Amino acid sequence: MSEAASPPITLLDAPRVPRLSRFVVTPASLARFRRFATPVLLVLAWQAGVSFGVIPSRLVASPAAILETFWSLSASGELLENLLVSLGRVAVGLGIGVVAGVGFALVAGLSRIGEDAVDAPLQMGRTLPHLALVPLFILWFGIGETPKIGLVALGSVFPIYLNLFAGIRGVDPKLVEAANTLGLSRGELIRHVILPGALPSALVGLRYALGVAWLSLVVGEQINAQSGIGHMMMDAREFLRTDIIMVGLLVYALLGLGGDLLVRALERRALSWRSVFVS
């Protein structure tokens, strides 16, 4: 008499093994946390220095005081109100700068005559420290919103122009030759070959322009501003509120980082066709 076949063992009958792999420290996880170790240690040393009186609190607020002030300003709505004003100024100024920079780059990059007409004035203009033009901007435009937006726009033009111009002139000649062989018109050549080939350089220019835009805004909001992060910091200076000043600097830094991350995400999406080297 043959023995009865034993029922097959299913996954439900298998003994459960605790998943400890997610808690195992690996070199990869250590590498991820290692880059944050130095900033965390610096913040802890900063807090300890203020707590033990090594760093005067009237000159530099402690991280705990900055976080407390950040929370109170957020809860009262003052921080959000000023933040929206600053974002609006950067958006308008950066938009003007991007449009002007792209226009100049297309004129100079696609034509030798355009380069002769546009490049020399822009090269001279970019060597001037645009933040030093604040007195002239006040004389020309007054103390309203125009000089603040104008500073942001002027600072944003040159990174866009330089990088897009270099991208247009750096397009692979073999691609242009292949497009001409296929019978593409000049407009189709620009739309399907030149501009896509120059897009990586244009996005790099946009990242630089964002950084310059926030730097310009910091200076621009010192021009008799009635609102904005810079105005909030100027009021805090009158009352020696270093915690509010540090909150303003922190907001500027986070906005700059957030803008850069946004452009990098756009870059990954728009340039998904491009292979990159990562060691």
C-alpha atoms as a PDB file:
ATOM      1  CA  MET A   1       0.000   0.000   0.000  1.00  0.00           C
ATOM      2  CA  SER A   2       1.566   3.282  -1.107  1.00  0.00           C
ATOM      3  CA  GLU A   3       1.900   6.118   1.324  1.00  0.00           C
ATOM      4  CA  ALA A   4      -0.436   9.074   0.854  1.00  0.00           C
ATOM      5  CA  ALA A   5       1.252  12.088  -0.781  1.00  0.00           C
ATOM      6  CA  SER A   6       1.906  14.877   1.700  1.00  0.00           C
ATOM      7  CA  PRO A   7       0.209  18.207   0.904  1.00  0.00           C
ATOM      8  CA  PRO A   8       2.502  20.790  -0.712  1.00  0.00           C
ATOM      9  CA  ILE A   9       3.994  23.421   1.525  1.00  0.00           C
ATOM     10  CA  THR A  10       2.693  26.884   0.621  1.00  0.00           C
ATOM     11  CA  LEU A  11       4.125  30.281   1.384  1.00  0.00           C
ATOM     12  CA  LEU A  12       1.557  30.682   4.142  1.00  0.00           C
ATOM     13  CA  ASP A  13       2.910  27.577   5.896  1.00  0.00           C
ATOM     14  CA  ALA A  14       6.543  28.687   5.642  1.00  0.00           C
ATOM     15  CA  PRO A  15       8.055  30.047   8.842  1.00  0.00           C
ATOM     16  CA  ARG A  16       8.229  33.811   8.915  1.00  0.00           C
ATOM     17  CA  VAL A  17      11.706  35.270   8.976  1.00  0.00           C
ATOM     18  CA  PRO A  18      11.953  38.711  10.540  1.00  0.00           C
ATOM     19  CA  ARG A  19      12.962  41.331   7.966  1.00  0.00           C
ATOM     20  CA  LEU A  20      16.027  42.828   9.602  1.00  0.00           C
ATOM     21  CA  SER A  21      17.705  43.840   6.379  1.00  0.00           C
ATOM     22  CA  ARG A  22      16.161  47.286   6.524  1.00  0.00           C
ATOM     23  CA  PHE A  23      17.842  47.890   9.901  1.00  0.00           C
ATOM     24  CA  VAL A  24      21.278  46.614   8.853  1.00  0.00           C
ATOM     25  CA  VAL A  25      23.898  49.349   8.577  1.00  0.00           C
ATOM     26  CA  THR A  26      25.534  49.173   5.172  1.00  0.00           C
ATOM     27  CA  PRO A  27      28.271  51.310   3.590  1.00  0.00           C
ATOM     28  CA  ALA A  28      25.641  52.846   1.310  1.00  0.00           C
ATOM     29  CA  SER A  29      23.459  53.948   4.235  1.00  0.00           C
ATOM     30  CA  LEU A  30      26.507  55.300   6.059  1.00  0.00           C
ATOM     31  CA  ALA A  31      27.433  57.320   2.974  1.00  0.00           C
ATOM     32  CA  ARG A  32      23.944  58.850   2.915  1.00  0.00           C
ATOM     33  CA  PHE A  33      24.142  59.966   6.529  1.00  0.00           C
ATOM     34  CA  ARG A  34      27.780  61.013   6.393  1.00  0.00           C
ATOM     35  CA  ARG A  35      27.076  64.101   4.315  1.00  0.00           C
ATOM     36  CA  PHE A  36      24.706  65.368   7.033  1.00  0.00           C
ATOM     37  CA  ALA A  37      27.091  64.671   9.901  1.00  0.00           C
ATOM     38  CA  THR A  38      29.135  67.874   9.591  1.00  0.00           C
ATOM     39  CA  PRO A  39      26.119  70.260   9.439  1.00  0.00           C
ATOM     40  CA  VAL A  40      24.527  68.531  12.436  1.00  0.00           C
ATOM     41  CA  LEU A  41      27.752  68.767  14.437  1.00  0.00           C
ATOM     42  CA  LEU A  42      28.116  72.445  13.544  1.00  0.00           C
ATOM     43  CA  VAL A  43      24.553  73.184  14.696  1.00  0.00           C
ATOM     44  CA  LEU A  44      25.147  71.313  17.964  1.00  0.00           C
ATOM     45  CA  ALA A  45      28.402  73.215  18.538  1.00  0.00           C
ATOM     46  CA  TRP A  46      26.597  76.481  17.766  1.00  0.00           C
ATOM     47  CA  GLN A  47      23.851  75.680  20.292  1.00  0.00           C
ATOM     48  CA  ALA A  48      26.403  74.688  22.915  1.00  0.00           C
ATOM     49  CA  GLY A  49      28.430  77.856  22.334  1.00  0.00           C
ATOM     50  CA  VAL A  50      25.399  80.083  22.879  1.00  0.00           C
ATOM     51  CA  SER A  51      24.165  78.060  25.861  1.00  0.00           C
ATOM     52  CA  PHE A  52      27.526  78.286  27.670  1.00  0.00           C
ATOM     53  CA  GLY A  53      28.036  81.952  26.833  1.00  0.00           C
ATOM     54  CA  VAL A  54      30.954  81.436  24.462  1.00  0.00           C
ATOM     55  CA  ILE A  55      28.910  83.061  21.671  1.00  0.00           C
ATOM     56  CA  PRO A  56      26.973  86.184  22.785  1.00  0.00           C
ATOM     57  CA  SER A  57      23.263  85.644  22.196  1.00  0.00           C
ATOM     58  CA  ARG A  58      22.748  89.316  21.363  1.00  0.00           C
ATOM     59  CA  LEU A  59      25.036  88.885  18.357  1.00  0.00           C
ATOM     60  CA  VAL A  60      23.997  85.423  17.175  1.00  0.00           C
ATOM     61  CA  ALA A  61      20.793  83.720  18.263  1.00  0.00           C
ATOM     62  CA  SER A  62      20.893  80.049  19.146  1.00  0.00           C
ATOM     63  CA  PRO A  63      19.362  77.419  16.825  1.00  0.00           C
ATOM     64  CA  ALA A  64      16.668  76.735  19.448  1.00  0.00           C
ATOM     65  CA  ALA A  65      15.724  80.432  19.561  1.00  0.00           C
ATOM     66  CA  ILE A  66      15.681  80.597  15.756  1.00  0.00           C
ATOM     67  CA  LEU A  67      13.338  77.614  15.538  1.00  0.00           C
ATOM     68  CA  GLU A  68      11.062  79.115  18.189  1.00  0.00           C
ATOM     69  CA  THR A  69      10.945  82.443  16.326  1.00  0.00           C
ATOM     70  CA  PHE A  70      10.329  80.649  13.030  1.00  0.00           C
ATOM     71  CA  TRP A  71       7.345  78.874  14.567  1.00  0.00           C
ATOM     72  CA  SER A  72       5.900  82.036  16.099  1.00  0.00           C
ATOM     73  CA  LEU A  73       6.259  84.019  12.857  1.00  0.00           C
ATOM     74  CA  SER A  74       4.651  81.179  10.921  1.00  0.00           C
ATOM     75  CA  ALA A  75       1.791  80.874  13.385  1.00  0.00           C
ATOM     76  CA  SER A  76       1.063  84.617  13.262  1.00  0.00           C
ATOM     77  CA  GLY A  77       1.065  84.648   9.448  1.00  0.00           C
ATOM     78  CA  GLU A  78       3.722  87.358   9.241  1.00  0.00           C
ATOM     79  CA  LEU A  79       6.292  85.066   7.693  1.00  0.00           C
ATOM     80  CA  LEU A  80       3.916  83.743   5.030  1.00  0.00           C
ATOM     81  CA  GLU A  81       2.750  87.232   4.098  1.00  0.00           C
ATOM     82  CA  ASN A  82       6.301  88.517   3.596  1.00  0.00           C
ATOM     83  CA  LEU A  83       7.330  85.295   1.856  1.00  0.00           C
ATOM     84  CA  LEU A  84       4.599  85.636  -0.767  1.00  0.00           C
ATOM     85  CA  VAL A  85       5.689  89.207  -1.515  1.00  0.00           C
ATOM     86  CA  SER A  86       9.314  88.134  -1.984  1.00  0.00           C
ATOM     87  CA  LEU A  87       8.293  85.190  -4.176  1.00  0.00           C
ATOM     88  CA  GLY A  88       6.239  87.511  -6.351  1.00  0.00           C
ATOM     89  CA  ARG A  89       9.173  89.878  -6.858  1.00  0.00           C
ATOM     90  CA  VAL A  90      11.514  87.036  -7.778  1.00  0.00           C
ATOM     91  CA  ALA A  91       8.972  85.451 -10.133  1.00  0.00           C
ATOM     92  CA  VAL A  92       8.387  88.693 -12.058  1.00  0.00           C
ATOM     93  CA  GLY A  93      12.052  89.710 -12.147  1.00  0.00           C
ATOM     94  CA  LEU A  94      13.261  86.240 -13.090  1.00  0.00           C
ATOM     95  CA  GLY A  95      10.615  85.965 -15.791  1.00  0.00           C
ATOM     96  CA  ILE A  96      11.752  89.236 -17.355  1.00  0.00           C
ATOM     97  CA  GLY A  97      15.390  88.190 -17.123  1.00  0.00           C
ATOM     98  CA  VAL A  98      14.763  84.776 -18.689  1.00  0.00           C
ATOM     99  CA  VAL A  99      12.781  86.217 -21.595  1.00  0.00           C
ATOM    100  CA  ALA A 100      15.427  88.875 -22.266  1.00  0.00           C
ATOM    101  CA  GLY A 101      18.330  86.443 -21.868  1.00  0.00           C
ATOM    102  CA  VAL A 102      16.782  83.858 -24.189  1.00  0.00           C
ATOM    103  CA  GLY A 103      16.009  86.524 -26.772  1.00  0.00           C
ATOM    104  CA  PHE A 104      19.541  87.924 -26.742  1.00  0.00           C
ATOM    105  CA  ALA A 105      21.049  84.415 -26.895  1.00  0.00           C
ATOM    106  CA  LEU A 106      18.937  83.448 -29.892  1.00  0.00           C
ATOM    107  CA  VAL A 107      19.832  86.644 -31.742  1.00  0.00           C
ATOM    108  CA  ALA A 108      23.561  86.283 -31.032  1.00  0.00           C
ATOM    109  CA  GLY A 109      23.773  82.509 -31.265  1.00  0.00           C
ATOM    110  CA  LEU A 110      21.917  82.002 -34.541  1.00  0.00           C
ATOM    111  CA  SER A 111      23.481  84.839 -36.522  1.00  0.00           C
ATOM    112  CA  ARG A 112      26.939  86.344 -36.894  1.00  0.00           C
ATOM    113  CA  ILE A 113      25.396  89.754 -37.473  1.00  0.00           C
ATOM    114  CA  GLY A 114      23.316  89.328 -34.313  1.00  0.00           C
ATOM    115  CA  GLU A 115      26.406  88.351 -32.360  1.00  0.00           C
ATOM    116  CA  ASP A 116      28.227  91.474 -33.548  1.00  0.00           C
ATOM    117  CA  ALA A 117      25.261  93.627 -32.512  1.00  0.00           C
ATOM    118  CA  VAL A 118      24.416  92.039 -29.151  1.00  0.00           C
ATOM    119  CA  ASP A 119      27.396  90.233 -27.663  1.00  0.00           C
ATOM    120  CA  ALA A 120      29.786  93.140 -27.061  1.00  0.00           C
ATOM    121  CA  PRO A 121      27.311  95.298 -25.044  1.00  0.00           C
ATOM    122  CA  LEU A 122      26.233  92.306 -22.972  1.00  0.00           C
ATOM    123  CA  GLN A 123      29.818  91.259 -22.283  1.00  0.00           C
ATOM    124  CA  MET A 124      30.565  94.790 -21.055  1.00  0.00           C
ATOM    125  CA  GLY A 125      27.381  94.888 -19.012  1.00  0.00           C
ATOM    126  CA  ARG A 126      28.008  91.584 -17.247  1.00  0.00           C
ATOM    127  CA  THR A 127      31.372  92.827 -15.927  1.00  0.00           C
ATOM    128  CA  LEU A 128      29.604  95.622 -14.051  1.00  0.00           C
ATOM    129  CA  PRO A 129      28.482  94.704 -10.507  1.00  0.00           C
ATOM    130  CA  HIS A 130      24.751  95.081 -10.965  1.00  0.00           C
ATOM    131  CA  LEU A 131      24.180  95.417  -7.224  1.00  0.00           C
ATOM    132  CA  ALA A 132      26.240  98.600  -7.314  1.00  0.00           C
ATOM    133  CA  LEU A 133      23.598 100.127  -9.581  1.00  0.00           C
ATOM    134  CA  VAL A 134      21.145 100.495  -6.690  1.00  0.00           C
ATOM    135  CA  PRO A 135      21.678 104.299  -6.362  1.00  0.00           C
ATOM    136  CA  LEU A 136      21.053 104.753 -10.087  1.00  0.00           C
ATOM    137  CA  PHE A 137      17.972 102.532  -9.948  1.00  0.00           C
ATOM    138  CA  ILE A 138      16.577 104.669  -7.139  1.00  0.00           C
ATOM    139  CA  LEU A 139      17.183 107.841  -9.179  1.00  0.00           C
ATOM    140  CA  TRP A 140      15.643 106.319 -12.313  1.00  0.00           C
ATOM    141  CA  PHE A 141      12.719 104.321 -10.882  1.00  0.00           C
ATOM    142  CA  GLY A 142      12.128 105.706  -7.387  1.00  0.00           C
ATOM    143  CA  ILE A 143      11.755 103.547  -4.308  1.00  0.00           C
ATOM    144  CA  GLY A 144       8.755 101.428  -5.311  1.00  0.00           C
ATOM    145  CA  GLU A 145       8.640  97.905  -6.709  1.00  0.00           C
ATOM    146  CA  THR A 146      10.360  98.729 -10.009  1.00  0.00           C
ATOM    147  CA  PRO A 147      13.981  98.935  -8.739  1.00  0.00           C
ATOM    148  CA  LYS A 148      13.591  95.700  -6.763  1.00  0.00           C
ATOM    149  CA  ILE A 149      12.227  93.774  -9.736  1.00  0.00           C
ATOM    150  CA  GLY A 150      14.719  95.497 -12.040  1.00  0.00           C
ATOM    151  CA  LEU A 151      17.678  94.309  -9.974  1.00  0.00           C
ATOM    152  CA  VAL A 152      16.436  90.726 -10.090  1.00  0.00           C
ATOM    153  CA  ALA A 153      15.827  90.924 -13.835  1.00  0.00           C
ATOM    154  CA  LEU A 154      19.211  92.479 -14.574  1.00  0.00           C
ATOM    155  CA  GLY A 155      21.061  89.880 -12.527  1.00  0.00           C
ATOM    156  CA  SER A 156      19.180  87.026 -14.226  1.00  0.00           C
ATOM    157  CA  VAL A 157      19.824  88.070 -17.817  1.00  0.00           C
ATOM    158  CA  PHE A 158      23.536  87.308 -18.011  1.00  0.00           C
ATOM    159  CA  PRO A 159      23.610  83.671 -16.769  1.00  0.00           C
ATOM    160  CA  ILE A 160      20.792  82.776 -19.159  1.00  0.00           C
ATOM    161  CA  TYR A 161      22.421  84.562 -22.092  1.00  0.00           C
ATOM    162  CA  LEU A 162      25.929  83.180 -21.588  1.00  0.00           C
ATOM    163  CA  ASN A 163      24.907  79.559 -21.099  1.00  0.00           C
ATOM    164  CA  LEU A 164      22.299  79.444 -23.861  1.00  0.00           C
ATOM    165  CA  PHE A 165      24.646  81.198 -26.292  1.00  0.00           C
ATOM    166  CA  ALA A 166      27.363  78.655 -25.499  1.00  0.00           C
ATOM    167  CA  GLY A 167      24.851  75.824 -25.878  1.00  0.00           C
ATOM    168  CA  ILE A 168      23.711  77.014 -29.300  1.00  0.00           C
ATOM    169  CA  ARG A 169      27.261  77.384 -30.570  1.00  0.00           C
ATOM    170  CA  GLY A 170      28.216  74.021 -29.032  1.00  0.00           C
ATOM    171  CA  VAL A 171      25.663  71.920 -30.915  1.00  0.00           C
ATOM    172  CA  ASP A 172      27.331  68.978 -32.681  1.00  0.00           C
ATOM    173  CA  PRO A 173      28.022  69.996 -36.325  1.00  0.00           C
ATOM    174  CA  LYS A 174      27.315  66.408 -37.417  1.00  0.00           C
ATOM    175  CA  LEU A 175      23.704  66.811 -36.249  1.00  0.00           C
ATOM    176  CA  VAL A 176      23.370  70.019 -38.256  1.00  0.00           C
ATOM    177  CA  GLU A 177      24.871  68.330 -41.310  1.00  0.00           C
ATOM    178  CA  ALA A 178      22.486  65.388 -40.950  1.00  0.00           C
ATOM    179  CA  ALA A 179      19.522  67.774 -40.649  1.00  0.00           C
ATOM    180  CA  ASN A 180      20.586  69.596 -43.798  1.00  0.00           C
ATOM    181  CA  THR A 181      20.938  66.265 -45.590  1.00  0.00           C
ATOM    182  CA  LEU A 182      17.369  65.396 -44.625  1.00  0.00           C
ATOM    183  CA  GLY A 183      16.199  68.671 -46.133  1.00  0.00           C
ATOM    184  CA  LEU A 184      15.085  70.479 -42.947  1.00  0.00           C
ATOM    185  CA  SER A 185      14.377  74.166 -43.330  1.00  0.00           C
ATOM    186  CA  ARG A 186      16.159  76.711 -41.130  1.00  0.00           C
ATOM    187  CA  GLY A 187      13.163  76.996 -38.837  1.00  0.00           C
ATOM    188  CA  GLU A 188      12.899  73.224 -38.484  1.00  0.00           C
ATOM    189  CA  LEU A 189      16.647  73.009 -37.911  1.00  0.00           C
ATOM    190  CA  ILE A 190      16.422  75.502 -35.052  1.00  0.00           C
ATOM    191  CA  ARG A 191      13.316  73.891 -33.559  1.00  0.00           C
ATOM    192  CA  HIS A 192      14.315  70.232 -33.820  1.00  0.00           C
ATOM    193  CA  VAL A 193      18.124  70.299 -33.586  1.00  0.00           C
ATOM    194  CA  ILE A 194      19.598  73.561 -32.260  1.00  0.00           C
ATOM    195  CA  LEU A 195      17.260  74.274 -29.361  1.00  0.00           C
ATOM    196  CA  PRO A 196      17.095  70.670 -28.030  1.00  0.00           C
ATOM    197  CA  GLY A 197      20.887  70.477 -28.260  1.00  0.00           C
ATOM    198  CA  ALA A 198      21.259  73.746 -26.330  1.00  0.00           C
ATOM    199  CA  LEU A 199      18.672  72.829 -23.667  1.00  0.00           C
ATOM    200  CA  PRO A 200      21.174  71.327 -21.156  1.00  0.00           C
ATOM    201  CA  SER A 201      23.213  74.542 -21.174  1.00  0.00           C
ATOM    202  CA  ALA A 202      20.047  76.636 -20.877  1.00  0.00           C
ATOM    203  CA  LEU A 203      18.963  74.744 -17.750  1.00  0.00           C
ATOM    204  CA  VAL A 204      22.397  75.240 -16.202  1.00  0.00           C
ATOM    205  CA  GLY A 205      21.997  78.947 -16.896  1.00  0.00           C
ATOM    206  CA  LEU A 206      18.585  78.885 -15.233  1.00  0.00           C
ATOM    207  CA  ARG A 207      20.099  77.373 -12.092  1.00  0.00           C
ATOM    208  CA  TYR A 208      22.703  80.132 -11.966  1.00  0.00           C
ATOM    209  CA  ALA A 209      20.049  82.758 -12.665  1.00  0.00           C
ATOM    210  CA  LEU A 210      17.936  81.551  -9.736  1.00  0.00           C
ATOM    211  CA  GLY A 211      20.861  81.978  -7.354  1.00  0.00           C
ATOM    212  CA  VAL A 212      21.611  85.471  -8.649  1.00  0.00           C
ATOM    213  CA  ALA A 213      17.907  86.360  -8.453  1.00  0.00           C
ATOM    214  CA  TRP A 214      17.723  85.605  -4.732  1.00  0.00           C
ATOM    215  CA  LEU A 215      20.985  87.448  -4.117  1.00  0.00           C
ATOM    216  CA  SER A 216      19.617  90.482  -5.976  1.00  0.00           C
ATOM    217  CA  LEU A 217      16.385  90.337  -3.996  1.00  0.00           C
ATOM    218  CA  VAL A 218      18.251  90.433  -0.679  1.00  0.00           C
ATOM    219  CA  VAL A 219      19.781  93.755  -1.724  1.00  0.00           C
ATOM    220  CA  GLY A 220      16.694  95.025  -3.514  1.00  0.00           C
ATOM    221  CA  GLU A 221      14.458  94.590  -0.487  1.00  0.00           C
ATOM    222  CA  GLN A 222      16.675  96.971   1.454  1.00  0.00           C
ATOM    223  CA  ILE A 223      15.369  99.826  -0.758  1.00  0.00           C
ATOM    224  CA  ASN A 224      12.636 101.248   1.462  1.00  0.00           C
ATOM    225  CA  ALA A 225      10.599  98.046   1.294  1.00  0.00           C
ATOM    226  CA  GLN A 226       7.295  97.909   3.148  1.00  0.00           C
ATOM    227  CA  SER A 227       6.964  94.132   2.942  1.00  0.00           C
ATOM    228  CA  GLY A 228       8.984  91.068   2.093  1.00  0.00           C
ATOM    229  CA  ILE A 229      11.597  88.990   3.880  1.00  0.00           C
ATOM    230  CA  GLY A 230      14.180  91.769   3.540  1.00  0.00           C
ATOM    231  CA  HIS A 231      11.785  94.272   5.112  1.00  0.00           C
ATOM    232  CA  MET A 232      11.186  91.886   8.006  1.00  0.00           C
ATOM    233  CA  MET A 233      14.948  91.602   8.541  1.00  0.00           C
ATOM    234  CA  MET A 234      15.452  95.372   8.394  1.00  0.00           C
ATOM    235  CA  ASP A 235      12.800  95.897  11.081  1.00  0.00           C
ATOM    236  CA  ALA A 236      14.460  93.215  13.208  1.00  0.00           C
ATOM    237  CA  ARG A 237      17.802  95.010  12.925  1.00  0.00           C
ATOM    238  CA  GLU A 238      16.312  98.133  14.497  1.00  0.00           C
ATOM    239  CA  PHE A 239      15.323  96.118  17.584  1.00  0.00           C
ATOM    240  CA  LEU A 240      18.463  93.915  17.668  1.00  0.00           C
ATOM    241  CA  ARG A 241      16.353  90.814  16.986  1.00  0.00           C
ATOM    242  CA  THR A 242      19.072  88.547  15.652  1.00  0.00           C
ATOM    243  CA  ASP A 243      16.694  85.584  15.811  1.00  0.00           C
ATOM    244  CA  ILE A 244      14.373  87.173  13.218  1.00  0.00           C
ATOM    245  CA  ILE A 245      17.352  88.124  11.051  1.00  0.00           C
ATOM    246  CA  MET A 246      18.583  84.533  11.141  1.00  0.00           C
ATOM    247  CA  VAL A 247      15.076  83.297  10.281  1.00  0.00           C
ATOM    248  CA  GLY A 248      15.118  85.557   7.226  1.00  0.00           C
ATOM    249  CA  LEU A 249      18.509  84.234   6.158  1.00  0.00           C
ATOM    250  CA  LEU A 250      17.289  80.672   6.679  1.00  0.00           C
ATOM    251  CA  VAL A 251      14.226  81.342   4.508  1.00  0.00           C
ATOM    252  CA  TYR A 252      16.400  82.817   1.755  1.00  0.00           C
ATOM    253  CA  ALA A 253      18.673  79.761   1.880  1.00  0.00           C
ATOM    254  CA  LEU A 254      15.745  77.322   1.770  1.00  0.00           C
ATOM    255  CA  LEU A 255      14.157  79.190  -1.120  1.00  0.00           C
ATOM    256  CA  GLY A 256      17.414  79.057  -3.057  1.00  0.00           C
ATOM    257  CA  LEU A 257      17.781  75.344  -2.371  1.00  0.00           C
ATOM    258  CA  GLY A 258      14.161  74.669  -3.282  1.00  0.00           C
ATOM    259  CA  GLY A 259      14.481  76.556  -6.563  1.00  0.00           C
ATOM    260  CA  ASP A 260      17.623  74.640  -7.463  1.00  0.00           C
ATOM    261  CA  LEU A 261      15.964  71.300  -6.683  1.00  0.00           C
ATOM    262  CA  LEU A 262      12.982  72.297  -8.817  1.00  0.00           C
ATOM    263  CA  VAL A 263      15.197  73.087 -11.817  1.00  0.00           C
ATOM    264  CA  ARG A 264      17.145  69.855 -11.321  1.00  0.00           C
ATOM    265  CA  ALA A 265      13.876  67.902 -11.327  1.00  0.00           C
ATOM    266  CA  LEU A 266      12.888  69.697 -14.526  1.00  0.00           C
ATOM    267  CA  GLU A 267      16.304  68.863 -15.942  1.00  0.00           C
ATOM    268  CA  ARG A 268      15.900  65.151 -15.176  1.00  0.00           C
ATOM    269  CA  ARG A 269      12.498  65.125 -16.836  1.00  0.00           C
ATOM    270  CA  ALA A 270      13.368  67.214 -19.884  1.00  0.00           C
ATOM    271  CA  LEU A 271      16.717  65.509 -20.454  1.00  0.00           C
ATOM    272  CA  SER A 272      15.696  61.928 -19.732  1.00  0.00           C
ATOM    273  CA  TRP A 273      17.054  60.972 -23.172  1.00  0.00           C
ATOM    274  CA  ARG A 274      20.580  62.028 -22.220  1.00  0.00           C
ATOM    275  CA  SER A 275      22.934  59.511 -20.641  1.00  0.00           C
ATOM    276  CA  VAL A 276      24.932  60.869 -17.718  1.00  0.00           C
ATOM    277  CA  PHE A 277      28.056  59.616 -16.052  1.00  0.00           C
ATOM    278  CA  VAL A 278      27.825  59.018 -12.309  1.00  0.00           C
ATOM    279  CA  SER A 279      30.801  57.449 -10.595  1.00  0.00           C
END
